[in-house]
Amino acid sequence: MHPGFFPLSNKLVPLTVIKGAGHEFIPLPQGENATTADFHSIRTQTESPAYFTSGFYKIEAGPQRPAHYTFEETKYVLSGQIDVLDEATGITHHLVPGDFAFFHVGSKVKFSTKSQGFAFYAVTRPVRAPHPNLVGREESKSRL
């Protein structure tokens, strides 16, 4: 066995599938111009449990949205444009579809857009804001 890999049991575990997740409307909270919508999270079954959560980020024109990271995140822009001011460098990055951004513990940024932006993200934290239209939408494992 390769060092760092965990031994696997012979028990098969089914996938979790959520059809149409990327097409669901994500409502913005009252008075806000940006939101996250977590749609799946896993917790490692190790001595020091860790979380891996994924979801969608939506932003519309409005005030800048500050974020100071206490976890790791990667964002992949699916549509529109998301501007990210990196406070460590003073550089504003203009992210468009196909762009990835990686945020490290300690990153401090401000998100904005002149129109709208939509991204998929993966983070090392538990669920904070479940996607309002995907709760309970997992396909039945008995049908797989």
C-alpha atoms as a PDB file:
ATOM      1  CA  MET A   1       0.000   0.000   0.000  1.00  0.00           C
ATOM      2  CA  HIS A   2       1.223   3.495  -0.850  1.00  0.00           C
ATOM      3  CA  PRO A   3       2.134   5.575   2.247  1.00  0.00           C
ATOM      4  CA  GLY A   4      -0.585   8.102   3.049  1.00  0.00           C
ATOM      5  CA  PHE A   5      -3.441   6.024   1.648  1.00  0.00           C
ATOM      6  CA  PHE A   6      -6.034   4.473   3.919  1.00  0.00           C
ATOM      7  CA  PRO A   7      -6.967   0.821   3.476  1.00  0.00           C
ATOM      8  CA  LEU A   8     -10.349   0.397   1.794  1.00  0.00           C
ATOM      9  CA  SER A   9     -12.992  -2.016   2.967  1.00  0.00           C
ATOM     10  CA  ASN A  10     -14.703  -4.344   0.521  1.00  0.00           C
ATOM     11  CA  LYS A  11     -18.026  -2.626   1.244  1.00  0.00           C
ATOM     12  CA  LEU A  12     -19.242  -0.607  -1.749  1.00  0.00           C
ATOM     13  CA  VAL A  13     -20.625   2.859  -1.001  1.00  0.00           C
ATOM     14  CA  PRO A  14     -23.102   4.516  -3.408  1.00  0.00           C
ATOM     15  CA  LEU A  15     -22.625   7.986  -4.891  1.00  0.00           C
ATOM     16  CA  THR A  16     -24.643  11.013  -3.854  1.00  0.00           C
ATOM     17  CA  VAL A  17     -26.225  12.645  -6.921  1.00  0.00           C
ATOM     18  CA  ILE A  18     -28.164  15.918  -6.989  1.00  0.00           C
ATOM     19  CA  LYS A  19     -29.610  16.418 -10.480  1.00  0.00           C
ATOM     20  CA  GLY A  20     -29.808  19.973 -11.804  1.00  0.00           C
ATOM     21  CA  ALA A  21     -27.984  21.513  -8.824  1.00  0.00           C
ATOM     22  CA  GLY A  22     -26.287  24.155 -10.972  1.00  0.00           C
ATOM     23  CA  HIS A  23     -29.579  25.310 -12.480  1.00  0.00           C
ATOM     24  CA  GLU A  24     -31.403  26.034  -9.216  1.00  0.00           C
ATOM     25  CA  PHE A  25     -32.235  29.634  -8.352  1.00  0.00           C
ATOM     26  CA  ILE A  26     -30.249  30.980  -5.400  1.00  0.00           C
ATOM     27  CA  PRO A  27     -32.140  33.791  -3.648  1.00  0.00           C
ATOM     28  CA  LEU A  28     -30.134  36.671  -2.216  1.00  0.00           C
ATOM     29  CA  PRO A  29     -30.832  37.459   1.447  1.00  0.00           C
ATOM     30  CA  GLN A  30     -32.863  40.649   1.978  1.00  0.00           C
ATOM     31  CA  GLY A  31     -30.635  43.694   1.478  1.00  0.00           C
ATOM     32  CA  GLU A  32     -27.596  41.653   0.334  1.00  0.00           C
ATOM     33  CA  ASN A  33     -25.887  41.536  -3.063  1.00  0.00           C
ATOM     34  CA  ALA A  34     -23.929  38.282  -2.541  1.00  0.00           C
ATOM     35  CA  THR A  35     -24.460  34.888  -0.941  1.00  0.00           C
ATOM     36  CA  THR A  36     -23.095  31.370  -0.653  1.00  0.00           C
ATOM     37  CA  ALA A  37     -25.182  28.228  -0.989  1.00  0.00           C
ATOM     38  CA  ASP A  38     -23.481  25.073   0.340  1.00  0.00           C
ATOM     39  CA  PHE A  39     -24.835  21.916  -1.261  1.00  0.00           C
ATOM     40  CA  HIS A  40     -22.626  19.072  -0.082  1.00  0.00           C
ATOM     41  CA  SER A  41     -20.237  18.463   2.793  1.00  0.00           C
ATOM     42  CA  ILE A  42     -18.158  15.535   3.942  1.00  0.00           C
ATOM     43  CA  ARG A  43     -16.295  14.990   7.199  1.00  0.00           C
ATOM     44  CA  THR A  44     -13.268  12.750   7.177  1.00  0.00           C
ATOM     45  CA  GLN A  45     -13.396   9.674   9.379  1.00  0.00           C
ATOM     46  CA  THR A  46      -9.891  10.159  10.759  1.00  0.00           C
ATOM     47  CA  GLU A  47      -8.325  10.887  14.146  1.00  0.00           C
ATOM     48  CA  SER A  48      -8.342  14.612  13.318  1.00  0.00           C
ATOM     49  CA  PRO A  49     -11.602  15.089  11.378  1.00  0.00           C
ATOM     50  CA  ALA A  50     -11.623  17.661   8.586  1.00  0.00           C
ATOM     51  CA  TYR A  51     -14.443  19.044   6.451  1.00  0.00           C
ATOM     52  CA  PHE A  52     -14.756  19.489   2.700  1.00  0.00           C
ATOM     53  CA  THR A  53     -17.814  21.458   1.561  1.00  0.00           C
ATOM     54  CA  SER A  54     -18.854  22.564  -1.911  1.00  0.00           C
ATOM     55  CA  GLY A  55     -21.474  24.947  -3.201  1.00  0.00           C
ATOM     56  CA  PHE A  56     -22.241  27.974  -5.336  1.00  0.00           C
ATOM     57  CA  TYR A  57     -21.369  31.661  -4.903  1.00  0.00           C
ATOM     58  CA  LYS A  58     -23.590  34.342  -6.417  1.00  0.00           C
ATOM     59  CA  ILE A  59     -22.877  38.077  -6.533  1.00  0.00           C
ATOM     60  CA  GLU A  60     -24.654  41.027  -8.146  1.00  0.00           C
ATOM     61  CA  ALA A  61     -23.649  44.668  -8.534  1.00  0.00           C
ATOM     62  CA  GLY A  62     -23.537  46.502  -5.205  1.00  0.00           C
ATOM     63  CA  PRO A  63     -21.145  47.185  -2.347  1.00  0.00           C
ATOM     64  CA  GLN A  64     -17.909  45.209  -1.995  1.00  0.00           C
ATOM     65  CA  ARG A  65     -18.199  42.025   0.082  1.00  0.00           C
ATOM     66  CA  PRO A  66     -15.195  41.596   2.429  1.00  0.00           C
ATOM     67  CA  ALA A  67     -13.899  38.144   3.379  1.00  0.00           C
ATOM     68  CA  HIS A  68     -11.099  37.175   5.774  1.00  0.00           C
ATOM     69  CA  TYR A  69     -10.326  33.483   5.369  1.00  0.00           C
ATOM     70  CA  THR A  70      -9.993  31.121   8.331  1.00  0.00           C
ATOM     71  CA  PHE A  71     -10.201  28.111   5.943  1.00  0.00           C
ATOM     72  CA  GLU A  72      -8.965  27.182   2.452  1.00  0.00           C
ATOM     73  CA  GLU A  73     -11.166  27.798  -0.604  1.00  0.00           C
ATOM     74  CA  THR A  74     -11.045  27.375  -4.352  1.00  0.00           C
ATOM     75  CA  LYS A  75     -13.532  29.201  -6.578  1.00  0.00           C
ATOM     76  CA  TYR A  76     -14.221  28.375 -10.255  1.00  0.00           C
ATOM     77  CA  VAL A  77     -16.157  31.038 -12.174  1.00  0.00           C
ATOM     78  CA  LEU A  78     -19.036  29.587 -14.215  1.00  0.00           C
ATOM     79  CA  SER A  79     -20.645  32.771 -15.574  1.00  0.00           C
ATOM     80  CA  GLY A  80     -20.415  36.549 -15.429  1.00  0.00           C
ATOM     81  CA  GLN A  81     -17.487  38.323 -13.787  1.00  0.00           C
ATOM     82  CA  ILE A  82     -16.276  38.365 -10.200  1.00  0.00           C
ATOM     83  CA  ASP A  83     -13.751  40.997  -9.162  1.00  0.00           C
ATOM     84  CA  VAL A  84     -11.492  40.125  -6.226  1.00  0.00           C
ATOM     85  CA  LEU A  85      -9.378  42.772  -4.486  1.00  0.00           C
ATOM     86  CA  ASP A  86      -6.445  40.995  -2.805  1.00  0.00           C
ATOM     87  CA  GLU A  87      -5.684  43.187   0.219  1.00  0.00           C
ATOM     88  CA  ALA A  88      -2.207  41.620   0.576  1.00  0.00           C
ATOM     89  CA  THR A  89      -1.107  42.991  -2.820  1.00  0.00           C
ATOM     90  CA  GLY A  90      -3.647  45.708  -3.634  1.00  0.00           C
ATOM     91  CA  ILE A  91      -4.317  43.962  -6.969  1.00  0.00           C
ATOM     92  CA  THR A  92      -7.885  43.525  -8.225  1.00  0.00           C
ATOM     93  CA  HIS A  93      -8.307  40.313 -10.218  1.00  0.00           C
ATOM     94  CA  HIS A  94     -11.132  40.231 -12.792  1.00  0.00           C
ATOM     95  CA  LEU A  95     -12.299  36.606 -12.864  1.00  0.00           C
ATOM     96  CA  VAL A  96     -14.357  35.368 -15.829  1.00  0.00           C
ATOM     97  CA  PRO A  97     -15.760  31.936 -16.795  1.00  0.00           C
ATOM     98  CA  GLY A  98     -13.030  29.313 -16.672  1.00  0.00           C
ATOM     99  CA  ASP A  99     -10.901  31.150 -14.072  1.00  0.00           C
ATOM    100  CA  PHE A 100      -9.909  29.559 -10.741  1.00  0.00           C
ATOM    101  CA  ALA A 101      -8.986  31.485  -7.595  1.00  0.00           C
ATOM    102  CA  PHE A 102      -7.392  29.916  -4.519  1.00  0.00           C
ATOM    103  CA  PHE A 103      -7.826  31.521  -1.088  1.00  0.00           C
ATOM    104  CA  HIS A 104      -5.547  30.471   1.753  1.00  0.00           C
ATOM    105  CA  VAL A 105      -5.973  30.754   5.528  1.00  0.00           C
ATOM    106  CA  GLY A 106      -5.176  34.402   6.232  1.00  0.00           C
ATOM    107  CA  SER A 107      -6.261  35.692   2.799  1.00  0.00           C
ATOM    108  CA  LYS A 108      -8.200  38.947   3.053  1.00  0.00           C
ATOM    109  CA  VAL A 109     -10.184  40.021  -0.001  1.00  0.00           C
ATOM    110  CA  LYS A 110     -13.132  42.089  -1.190  1.00  0.00           C
ATOM    111  CA  PHE A 111     -15.527  40.651  -3.779  1.00  0.00           C
ATOM    112  CA  SER A 112     -17.464  42.838  -6.216  1.00  0.00           C
ATOM    113  CA  THR A 113     -18.897  42.901  -9.741  1.00  0.00           C
ATOM    114  CA  LYS A 114     -20.239  45.509 -12.136  1.00  0.00           C
ATOM    115  CA  SER A 115     -22.960  43.096 -13.322  1.00  0.00           C
ATOM    116  CA  GLN A 116     -23.236  39.584 -11.832  1.00  0.00           C
ATOM    117  CA  GLY A 117     -21.103  36.523 -11.233  1.00  0.00           C
ATOM    118  CA  PHE A 118     -21.682  32.858 -10.455  1.00  0.00           C
ATOM    119  CA  ALA A 119     -19.037  30.394  -9.238  1.00  0.00           C
ATOM    120  CA  PHE A 120     -18.621  26.883  -7.874  1.00  0.00           C
ATOM    121  CA  TYR A 121     -16.525  26.644  -4.711  1.00  0.00           C
ATOM    122  CA  ALA A 122     -14.947  24.028  -2.488  1.00  0.00           C
ATOM    123  CA  VAL A 123     -13.891  24.905   1.071  1.00  0.00           C
ATOM    124  CA  THR A 124     -12.339  23.237   4.118  1.00  0.00           C
ATOM    125  CA  ARG A 125     -15.138  24.079   6.557  1.00  0.00           C
ATOM    126  CA  PRO A 126     -18.505  22.592   7.558  1.00  0.00           C
ATOM    127  CA  VAL A 127     -21.795  23.741   6.004  1.00  0.00           C
ATOM    128  CA  ARG A 128     -22.737  27.311   6.973  1.00  0.00           C
ATOM    129  CA  ALA A 129     -25.494  28.241   4.538  1.00  0.00           C
ATOM    130  CA  PRO A 130     -27.295  25.264   2.951  1.00  0.00           C
ATOM    131  CA  HIS A 131     -28.600  25.802  -0.591  1.00  0.00           C
ATOM    132  CA  PRO A 132     -32.298  26.588   0.015  1.00  0.00           C
ATOM    133  CA  ASN A 133     -33.542  24.697  -3.060  1.00  0.00           C
ATOM    134  CA  LEU A 134     -31.416  21.548  -2.740  1.00  0.00           C
ATOM    135  CA  VAL A 135     -32.185  20.338   0.783  1.00  0.00           C
ATOM    136  CA  GLY A 136     -33.497  16.780   0.528  1.00  0.00           C
ATOM    137  CA  ARG A 137     -32.939  16.596  -3.245  1.00  0.00           C
ATOM    138  CA  GLU A 138     -30.396  13.758  -3.216  1.00  0.00           C
ATOM    139  CA  GLU A 139     -31.390  10.871  -5.468  1.00  0.00           C
ATOM    140  CA  SER A 140     -32.550   7.795  -3.607  1.00  0.00           C
ATOM    141  CA  LYS A 141     -29.639   5.407  -3.189  1.00  0.00           C
ATOM    142  CA  SER A 142     -32.053   2.501  -3.649  1.00  0.00           C
ATOM    143  CA  ARG A 143     -32.572   3.557  -7.299  1.00  0.00           C
ATOM    144  CA  LEU A 144     -28.865   3.554  -8.126  1.00  0.00           C
END
